[in-house]
C-alpha atoms as a PDB file:
ATOM      1  CA  GLU A   1      27.139  54.782  -2.944  1.00  0.00           C
ATOM      2  CA  SER A   2      24.657  52.869  -5.195  1.00  0.00           C
ATOM      3  CA  LEU A   3      21.608  53.423  -4.386  1.00  0.00           C
ATOM      4  CA  LYS A   4      22.843  56.808  -5.256  1.00  0.00           C
ATOM      5  CA  GLN A   5      23.325  56.527  -8.875  1.00  0.00           C
ATOM      6  CA  LEU A   6      19.925  53.595  -9.362  1.00  0.00           C
ATOM      7  CA  GLN A   7      18.024  56.723  -7.968  1.00  0.00           C
ATOM      8  CA  MET A   8      19.699  59.119 -10.685  1.00  0.00           C
ATOM      9  CA  GLN A   9      19.690  56.587 -13.717  1.00  0.00           C
ATOM     10  CA  GLU A  10      16.242  56.365 -12.907  1.00  0.00           C
ATOM     11  CA  ARG A  11      15.186  59.931 -12.763  1.00  0.00           C
ATOM     12  CA  ALA A  12      17.266  59.887 -16.217  1.00  0.00           C
ATOM     13  CA  ARG A  13      15.675  56.896 -17.311  1.00  0.00           C
ATOM     14  CA  GLU A  14      12.144  58.377 -16.384  1.00  0.00           C
ATOM     15  CA  GLN A  15      13.104  61.959 -17.785  1.00  0.00           C
ATOM     16  CA  LYS A  16      13.765  60.225 -21.578  1.00  0.00           C
ATOM     17  CA  ASP A  17      10.660  58.371 -21.436  1.00  0.00           C
ATOM     18  CA  ASN A  18       8.559  61.189 -20.779  1.00  0.00           C
ATOM     19  CA  MET A  19       8.484  61.897 -24.127  1.00  0.00           C
ATOM     20  CA  GLY A  20       6.087  61.090 -27.032  1.00  0.00           C
ATOM     21  CA  THR A  21       3.516  59.664 -28.361  1.00  0.00           C
ATOM     22  CA  VAL A  22       0.713  57.960 -26.129  1.00  0.00           C
ATOM     23  CA  GLY A  23      -2.166  56.243 -28.388  1.00  0.00           C
ATOM     24  CA  CYS A  24      -4.979  53.792 -28.218  1.00  0.00           C
ATOM     25  CA  ALA A  25      -7.364  52.112 -29.895  1.00  0.00           C
ATOM     26  CA  VAL A  26     -10.478  50.514 -27.638  1.00  0.00           C
ATOM     27  CA  LEU A  27     -13.503  48.085 -28.992  1.00  0.00           C
ATOM     28  CA  ASP A  28     -15.688  48.022 -24.806  1.00  0.00           C
ATOM     29  CA  LYS A  29     -18.075  45.012 -24.720  1.00  0.00           C
ATOM     30  CA  LYS A  30     -20.915  47.195 -26.483  1.00  0.00           C
ATOM     31  CA  GLY A  31     -19.124  47.258 -29.433  1.00  0.00           C
ATOM     32  CA  ASN A  32     -18.233  50.670 -29.449  1.00  0.00           C
ATOM     33  CA  LEU A  33     -15.190  51.725 -30.943  1.00  0.00           C
ATOM     34  CA  CYS A  34     -12.902  54.976 -29.512  1.00  0.00           C
ATOM     35  CA  ALA A  35      -9.372  56.569 -29.926  1.00  0.00           C
ATOM     36  CA  GLY A  36      -6.999  58.798 -28.296  1.00  0.00           C
ATOM     37  CA  THR A  37      -3.947  59.733 -28.885  1.00  0.00           C
ATOM     38  CA  SER A  38      -1.765  62.205 -26.859  1.00  0.00           C
ATOM     39  CA  THR A  39       1.875  63.471 -28.032  1.00  0.00           C
ATOM     40  CA  GLY A  40       4.514  65.127 -26.420  1.00  0.00           C
ATOM     41  CA  GLY A  41       5.121  66.569 -29.659  1.00  0.00           C
ATOM     42  CA  MET A  42       8.692  67.725 -32.376  1.00  0.00           C
ATOM     43  CA  THR A  43      11.328  68.651 -31.267  1.00  0.00           C
ATOM     44  CA  ASN A  44      12.482  72.564 -32.107  1.00  0.00           C
ATOM     45  CA  LYS A  45       9.484  73.175 -33.777  1.00  0.00           C
ATOM     46  CA  LYS A  46       8.133  76.385 -35.540  1.00  0.00           C
ATOM     47  CA  TYR A  47       6.232  78.220 -33.353  1.00  0.00           C
ATOM     48  CA  GLY A  48       2.494  77.976 -33.982  1.00  0.00           C
ATOM     49  CA  ARG A  49       2.310  74.516 -35.694  1.00  0.00           C
ATOM     50  CA  ILE A  50      -0.291  72.273 -35.383  1.00  0.00           C
ATOM     51  CA  GLY A  51       0.430  68.341 -34.598  1.00  0.00           C
ATOM     52  CA  ASP A  52      -1.598  65.517 -36.169  1.00  0.00           C
ATOM     53  CA  SER A  53      -2.928  64.139 -32.679  1.00  0.00           C
ATOM     54  CA  PRO A  54      -5.576  67.298 -32.722  1.00  0.00           C
ATOM     55  CA  VAL A  55      -6.238  66.603 -36.357  1.00  0.00           C
ATOM     56  CA  ILE A  56      -9.321  64.482 -36.403  1.00  0.00           C
ATOM     57  CA  GLY A  57      -8.992  61.934 -39.296  1.00  0.00           C
ATOM     58  CA  ALA A  58      -5.211  62.635 -39.629  1.00  0.00           C
ATOM     59  CA  GLY A  59      -3.493  61.582 -35.768  1.00  0.00           C
ATOM     60  CA  THR A  60      -6.557  59.893 -34.322  1.00  0.00           C
ATOM     61  CA  TYR A  61     -10.569  58.561 -35.898  1.00  0.00           C
ATOM     62  CA  ALA A  62     -12.911  56.132 -34.953  1.00  0.00           C
ATOM     63  CA  ASN A  63     -16.345  55.080 -36.430  1.00  0.00           C
ATOM     64  CA  ASN A  64     -18.089  51.836 -34.975  1.00  0.00           C
ATOM     65  CA  LYS A  65     -18.277  51.009 -38.792  1.00  0.00           C
ATOM     66  CA  THR A  66     -14.946  50.114 -38.925  1.00  0.00           C
ATOM     67  CA  CYS A  67     -11.612  51.073 -36.769  1.00  0.00           C
ATOM     68  CA  ALA A  68     -10.502  53.049 -33.979  1.00  0.00           C
ATOM     69  CA  VAL A  69      -6.751  54.226 -35.088  1.00  0.00           C
ATOM     70  CA  SER A  70      -4.048  55.811 -33.504  1.00  0.00           C
ATOM     71  CA  CYS A  71      -0.990  57.757 -35.123  1.00  0.00           C
ATOM     72  CA  THR A  72       2.338  58.737 -34.274  1.00  0.00           C
ATOM     73  CA  GLY A  73       4.849  60.527 -36.272  1.00  0.00           C
ATOM     74  CA  HIS A  74       5.710  63.556 -38.340  1.00  0.00           C
ATOM     75  CA  GLY A  75       1.894  65.540 -37.953  1.00  0.00           C
ATOM     76  CA  GLU A  76       2.663  67.137 -41.465  1.00  0.00           C
ATOM     77  CA  TYR A  77       2.284  63.678 -43.439  1.00  0.00           C
ATOM     78  CA  TYR A  78      -0.710  62.138 -41.896  1.00  0.00           C
ATOM     79  CA  ILE A  79      -2.688  65.594 -42.312  1.00  0.00           C
ATOM     80  CA  ARG A  80      -1.765  65.861 -45.831  1.00  0.00           C
ATOM     81  CA  LEU A  81      -3.166  62.093 -45.673  1.00  0.00           C
ATOM     82  CA  GLY A  82      -6.095  62.036 -43.633  1.00  0.00           C
ATOM     83  CA  PHE A  83      -4.267  59.020 -42.607  1.00  0.00           C
ATOM     84  CA  ALA A  84      -5.996  57.791 -39.500  1.00  0.00           C
ATOM     85  CA  ARG A  85      -9.294  58.708 -41.638  1.00  0.00           C
ATOM     86  CA  ASP A  86      -8.351  56.934 -45.104  1.00  0.00           C
ATOM     87  CA  ILE A  87      -7.760  53.891 -42.906  1.00  0.00           C
ATOM     88  CA  SER A  88     -11.808  53.689 -42.023  1.00  0.00           C
ATOM     89  CA  ALA A  89     -12.043  55.017 -46.045  1.00  0.00           C
ATOM     90  CA  LEU A  90     -10.360  51.600 -46.747  1.00  0.00           C
ATOM     91  CA  MET A  91     -11.475  49.383 -44.357  1.00  0.00           C
ATOM     92  CA  GLU A  92     -15.316  50.464 -45.669  1.00  0.00           C
ATOM     93  CA  TYR A  93     -15.179  51.353 -49.348  1.00  0.00           C
ATOM     94  CA  LYS A  94     -12.714  48.897 -50.240  1.00  0.00           C
ATOM     95  CA  ASN A  95     -13.437  45.612 -47.833  1.00  0.00           C
ATOM     96  CA  LEU A  96     -10.151  45.512 -46.643  1.00  0.00           C
ATOM     97  CA  SER A  97      -8.811  44.082 -43.498  1.00  0.00           C
ATOM     98  CA  VAL A  98      -7.473  46.675 -40.310  1.00  0.00           C
ATOM     99  CA  GLU A  99      -4.178  45.499 -40.485  1.00  0.00           C
ATOM    100  CA  GLU A 100      -4.533  45.861 -45.308  1.00  0.00           C
ATOM    101  CA  ALA A 101      -5.413  48.952 -44.850  1.00  0.00           C
ATOM    102  CA  CYS A 102      -2.454  50.233 -42.513  1.00  0.00           C
ATOM    103  CA  ARG A 103      -0.175  48.899 -44.370  1.00  0.00           C
ATOM    104  CA  GLU A 104      -1.340  50.399 -47.040  1.00  0.00           C
ATOM    105  CA  GLU A 105      -1.460  53.860 -45.469  1.00  0.00           C
ATOM    106  CA  ILE A 106       1.845  52.899 -43.749  1.00  0.00           C
ATOM    107  CA  ARG A 107       3.043  52.444 -47.998  1.00  0.00           C
ATOM    108  CA  LYS A 108       1.702  56.000 -48.906  1.00  0.00           C
ATOM    109  CA  LEU A 109       2.940  57.439 -45.746  1.00  0.00           C
ATOM    110  CA  SER A 110       6.971  56.105 -46.824  1.00  0.00           C
ATOM    111  CA  GLU A 111       6.129  56.853 -50.377  1.00  0.00           C
ATOM    112  CA  LEU A 112       6.104  60.389 -49.540  1.00  0.00           C
ATOM    113  CA  GLN A 113       9.106  59.999 -47.484  1.00  0.00           C
ATOM    114  CA  GLY A 114       7.857  60.263 -44.010  1.00  0.00           C
ATOM    115  CA  THR A 115       7.619  57.930 -40.969  1.00  0.00           C
ATOM    116  CA  GLY A 116       5.999  57.027 -38.167  1.00  0.00           C
ATOM    117  CA  GLY A 117       3.389  54.400 -37.028  1.00  0.00           C
ATOM    118  CA  VAL A 118      -0.613  53.522 -35.969  1.00  0.00           C
ATOM    119  CA  ILE A 119      -2.317  51.411 -33.752  1.00  0.00           C
ATOM    120  CA  ALA A 120      -5.302  49.925 -34.477  1.00  0.00           C
ATOM    121  CA  VAL A 121      -8.858  47.661 -33.547  1.00  0.00           C
ATOM    122  CA  ASP A 122     -11.520  46.848 -35.952  1.00  0.00           C
ATOM    123  CA  ALA A 123     -15.430  46.439 -35.084  1.00  0.00           C
ATOM    124  CA  LYS A 124     -14.681  42.305 -34.364  1.00  0.00           C
ATOM    125  CA  GLY A 125     -11.645  43.006 -32.173  1.00  0.00           C
ATOM    126  CA  ASN A 126      -8.720  42.816 -34.777  1.00  0.00           C
ATOM    127  CA  ILE A 127      -5.506  44.563 -34.372  1.00  0.00           C
ATOM    128  CA  ALA A 128      -2.907  45.596 -36.611  1.00  0.00           C
ATOM    129  CA  MET A 129       0.245  47.859 -34.777  1.00  0.00           C
ATOM    130  CA  GLU A 130       2.118  48.837 -38.257  1.00  0.00           C
ATOM    131  CA  PHE A 131       5.162  51.191 -38.653  1.00  0.00           C
ATOM    132  CA  ASN A 132       8.078  52.009 -41.253  1.00  0.00           C
ATOM    133  CA  THR A 133      10.610  53.015 -38.309  1.00  0.00           C
ATOM    134  CA  SER A 134      13.113  50.241 -36.088  1.00  0.00           C
ATOM    135  CA  GLY A 135      11.280  50.612 -33.180  1.00  0.00           C
ATOM    136  CA  MET A 136       7.632  51.752 -31.999  1.00  0.00           C
ATOM    137  CA  PHE A 137       6.586  51.139 -27.869  1.00  0.00           C
ATOM    138  CA  ARG A 138       2.998  49.175 -28.271  1.00  0.00           C
ATOM    139  CA  GLY A 139       1.186  46.416 -26.821  1.00  0.00           C
ATOM    140  CA  PHE A 140      -2.730  45.424 -26.470  1.00  0.00           C
ATOM    141  CA  ILE A 141      -4.595  43.221 -23.673  1.00  0.00           C
ATOM    142  CA  LYS A 142      -7.592  41.959 -24.996  1.00  0.00           C
ATOM    143  CA  SER A 143     -11.035  40.901 -22.333  1.00  0.00           C
ATOM    144  CA  ASP A 144      -9.876  37.274 -22.260  1.00  0.00           C
ATOM    145  CA  GLY A 145      -6.231  38.471 -20.759  1.00  0.00           C
ATOM    146  CA  GLU A 146      -4.184  37.921 -23.774  1.00  0.00           C
ATOM    147  CA  LYS A 147      -1.546  40.085 -24.437  1.00  0.00           C
ATOM    148  CA  GLU A 148       1.476  41.453 -26.169  1.00  0.00           C
ATOM    149  CA  ILE A 149       3.947  44.068 -25.887  1.00  0.00           C
ATOM    150  CA  ALA A 150       6.535  44.600 -28.425  1.00  0.00           C
ATOM    151  CA  ILE A 151       8.995  47.641 -29.472  1.00  0.00           C
ATOM    152  CA  PHE A 152      11.374  46.384 -32.811  1.00  0.00           C
ATOM    153  CA  ALA A 153       9.819  45.106 -35.936  1.00  0.00           C
ATOM    154  CA  ASN A 154      10.977  41.636 -35.546  1.00  0.00           C
ATOM    155  CA  GLU A 155       8.909  41.121 -32.171  1.00  0.00           C
END
């Protein structure tokens, strides 16, 4: 009986965990930056809605001069802000760090009453993972083996 319960719990966990955005931001050993974003989409969205994930500059962006960015949240706000591209622009034109630029963009998102988060890496390997929700599944691993996995803000 306990094996059956464990199997049912595992199936429920798998179904629950198969939703949401998966994103990555990468700096390779040659100095190239790349980002990718995949989303499960919003529940009950209007037919024909296009979210931020496929819109380069909204939910995903990479520029070898500045950073690679992947976002999650309510896409309409990310599209309106040009969120991912704006982080790169803040770094390029205002000389903000990747962390400062991500925090500034999250501040703008919050002003619009939008929620979500962002992961980013800059051309020097500095990492930012900012969000304005109670938590965001996130993590990184560096070539030297340093790694971090977290969910909530205080982690």
